[in-house]
Amino acid sequence: MALVWLCLLWVFLSAGVATLPLRVQYVPGAILLVAAPVLIVMIGLQVGWLYALLALAAFVSMFRNPLRFLLAKLRGQNPEVPR
């Protein structure tokens, strides 16, 4: 039951962070970005891997731009940061 509350908290926090100005979103967004895979693995272990795959799809959909930025940085490119 704690996993459900943690996931709900994550969803509401991510919706709240999305309403912040872009320059303020970086730190809370990074925390949510790191917390999501932990929650997804916990979902897979406790509920089932099908639900974990659905959660992963939702996560990638929500964080597609930050993930693209991180992927470009890992490739050695210099992507432009939005202002």
C-alpha atoms as a PDB file:
ATOM      1  CA  MET A   1       0.000   0.000   0.000  1.00  0.00           C
ATOM      2  CA  ALA A   2       2.927   2.322   0.629  1.00  0.00           C
ATOM      3  CA  LEU A   3       3.986   1.913  -3.000  1.00  0.00           C
ATOM      4  CA  VAL A   4       0.631   3.254  -4.171  1.00  0.00           C
ATOM      5  CA  TRP A   5       1.011   6.349  -1.985  1.00  0.00           C
ATOM      6  CA  LEU A   6       4.598   6.902  -3.141  1.00  0.00           C
ATOM      7  CA  CYS A   7       3.544   6.656  -6.779  1.00  0.00           C
ATOM      8  CA  LEU A   8       0.622   9.025  -6.234  1.00  0.00           C
ATOM      9  CA  LEU A   9       2.929  11.468  -4.472  1.00  0.00           C
ATOM     10  CA  TRP A  10       5.365  11.258  -7.387  1.00  0.00           C
ATOM     11  CA  VAL A  11       2.581  11.989  -9.888  1.00  0.00           C
ATOM     12  CA  PHE A  12       1.285  15.002  -7.971  1.00  0.00           C
ATOM     13  CA  LEU A  13       4.795  16.344  -7.393  1.00  0.00           C
ATOM     14  CA  SER A  14       5.605  16.020 -11.089  1.00  0.00           C
ATOM     15  CA  ALA A  15       2.409  17.864 -11.995  1.00  0.00           C
ATOM     16  CA  GLY A  16       3.331  20.569  -9.503  1.00  0.00           C
ATOM     17  CA  VAL A  17       6.866  20.882 -10.846  1.00  0.00           C
ATOM     18  CA  ALA A  18       5.493  21.210 -14.377  1.00  0.00           C
ATOM     19  CA  THR A  19       3.626  24.361 -13.334  1.00  0.00           C
ATOM     20  CA  LEU A  20       6.807  26.053 -12.085  1.00  0.00           C
ATOM     21  CA  PRO A  21       8.795  28.442 -14.283  1.00  0.00           C
ATOM     22  CA  LEU A  22      11.374  26.592 -16.372  1.00  0.00           C
ATOM     23  CA  ARG A  23      14.402  27.998 -14.534  1.00  0.00           C
ATOM     24  CA  VAL A  24      13.029  26.617 -11.234  1.00  0.00           C
ATOM     25  CA  GLN A  25      12.158  23.154 -12.589  1.00  0.00           C
ATOM     26  CA  TYR A  26      15.699  21.788 -12.872  1.00  0.00           C
ATOM     27  CA  VAL A  27      16.414  20.604  -9.315  1.00  0.00           C
ATOM     28  CA  PRO A  28      12.982  19.149  -8.462  1.00  0.00           C
ATOM     29  CA  GLY A  29      12.752  17.683 -11.959  1.00  0.00           C
ATOM     30  CA  ALA A  30      16.118  15.978 -11.551  1.00  0.00           C
ATOM     31  CA  ILE A  31      15.011  14.505  -8.227  1.00  0.00           C
ATOM     32  CA  LEU A  32      11.846  13.158  -9.848  1.00  0.00           C
ATOM     33  CA  LEU A  33      13.897  11.866 -12.781  1.00  0.00           C
ATOM     34  CA  VAL A  34      16.094   9.849 -10.404  1.00  0.00           C
ATOM     35  CA  ALA A  35      13.194   8.637  -8.246  1.00  0.00           C
ATOM     36  CA  ALA A  36      11.111   7.321 -11.141  1.00  0.00           C
ATOM     37  CA  PRO A  37      13.237   4.271 -12.075  1.00  0.00           C
ATOM     38  CA  VAL A  38      13.292   3.219  -8.414  1.00  0.00           C
ATOM     39  CA  LEU A  39       9.504   3.385  -8.267  1.00  0.00           C
ATOM     40  CA  ILE A  40       9.171   1.568 -11.584  1.00  0.00           C
ATOM     41  CA  VAL A  41      11.364  -1.301 -10.379  1.00  0.00           C
ATOM     42  CA  MET A  42       9.342  -1.450  -7.156  1.00  0.00           C
ATOM     43  CA  ILE A  43       6.146  -1.615  -9.229  1.00  0.00           C
ATOM     44  CA  GLY A  44       7.640  -4.457 -11.254  1.00  0.00           C
ATOM     45  CA  LEU A  45       8.596  -6.417  -8.156  1.00  0.00           C
ATOM     46  CA  GLN A  46       5.379  -5.910  -6.215  1.00  0.00           C
ATOM     47  CA  VAL A  47       2.657  -5.621  -8.838  1.00  0.00           C
ATOM     48  CA  GLY A  48       3.999  -7.148 -12.033  1.00  0.00           C
ATOM     49  CA  TRP A  49       6.252  -6.323 -14.936  1.00  0.00           C
ATOM     50  CA  LEU A  50       3.391  -5.480 -17.285  1.00  0.00           C
ATOM     51  CA  TYR A  51       2.445  -2.595 -14.995  1.00  0.00           C
ATOM     52  CA  ALA A  52       6.095  -1.616 -14.733  1.00  0.00           C
ATOM     53  CA  LEU A  53       6.276  -1.423 -18.533  1.00  0.00           C
ATOM     54  CA  LEU A  54       3.184   0.789 -18.559  1.00  0.00           C
ATOM     55  CA  ALA A  55       4.773   3.008 -15.900  1.00  0.00           C
ATOM     56  CA  LEU A  56       7.986   3.141 -17.929  1.00  0.00           C
ATOM     57  CA  ALA A  57       6.052   4.202 -21.021  1.00  0.00           C
ATOM     58  CA  ALA A  58       4.344   6.974 -19.042  1.00  0.00           C
ATOM     59  CA  PHE A  59       7.675   8.068 -17.560  1.00  0.00           C
ATOM     60  CA  VAL A  60       9.397   8.240 -20.952  1.00  0.00           C
ATOM     61  CA  SER A  61       6.423  10.143 -22.350  1.00  0.00           C
ATOM     62  CA  MET A  62       6.504  12.711 -19.538  1.00  0.00           C
ATOM     63  CA  PHE A  63      10.277  13.165 -19.451  1.00  0.00           C
ATOM     64  CA  ARG A  64      11.062  12.804 -23.157  1.00  0.00           C
ATOM     65  CA  ASN A  65      12.822  16.175 -23.494  1.00  0.00           C
ATOM     66  CA  PRO A  66      15.054  15.812 -20.414  1.00  0.00           C
ATOM     67  CA  LEU A  67      15.882  12.254 -21.483  1.00  0.00           C
ATOM     68  CA  ARG A  68      16.802  13.465 -24.985  1.00  0.00           C
ATOM     69  CA  PHE A  69      19.009  16.136 -23.415  1.00  0.00           C
ATOM     70  CA  LEU A  70      20.779  13.585 -21.198  1.00  0.00           C
ATOM     71  CA  LEU A  71      21.215  11.199 -24.122  1.00  0.00           C
ATOM     72  CA  ALA A  72      22.754  13.969 -26.233  1.00  0.00           C
ATOM     73  CA  LYS A  73      25.121  14.865 -23.371  1.00  0.00           C
ATOM     74  CA  LEU A  74      26.162  11.208 -23.051  1.00  0.00           C
ATOM     75  CA  ARG A  75      26.905  11.128 -26.789  1.00  0.00           C
ATOM     76  CA  GLY A  76      29.223  14.100 -26.370  1.00  0.00           C
ATOM     77  CA  GLN A  77      26.975  16.577 -28.144  1.00  0.00           C
ATOM     78  CA  ASN A  78      26.281  20.051 -26.787  1.00  0.00           C
ATOM     79  CA  PRO A  79      22.471  20.465 -26.820  1.00  0.00           C
ATOM     80  CA  GLU A  80      20.976  23.882 -26.239  1.00  0.00           C
ATOM     81  CA  VAL A  81      19.299  24.441 -22.868  1.00  0.00           C
ATOM     82  CA  PRO A  82      15.918  26.205 -23.093  1.00  0.00           C
ATOM     83  CA  ARG A  83      15.777  29.584 -21.368  1.00  0.00           C
END
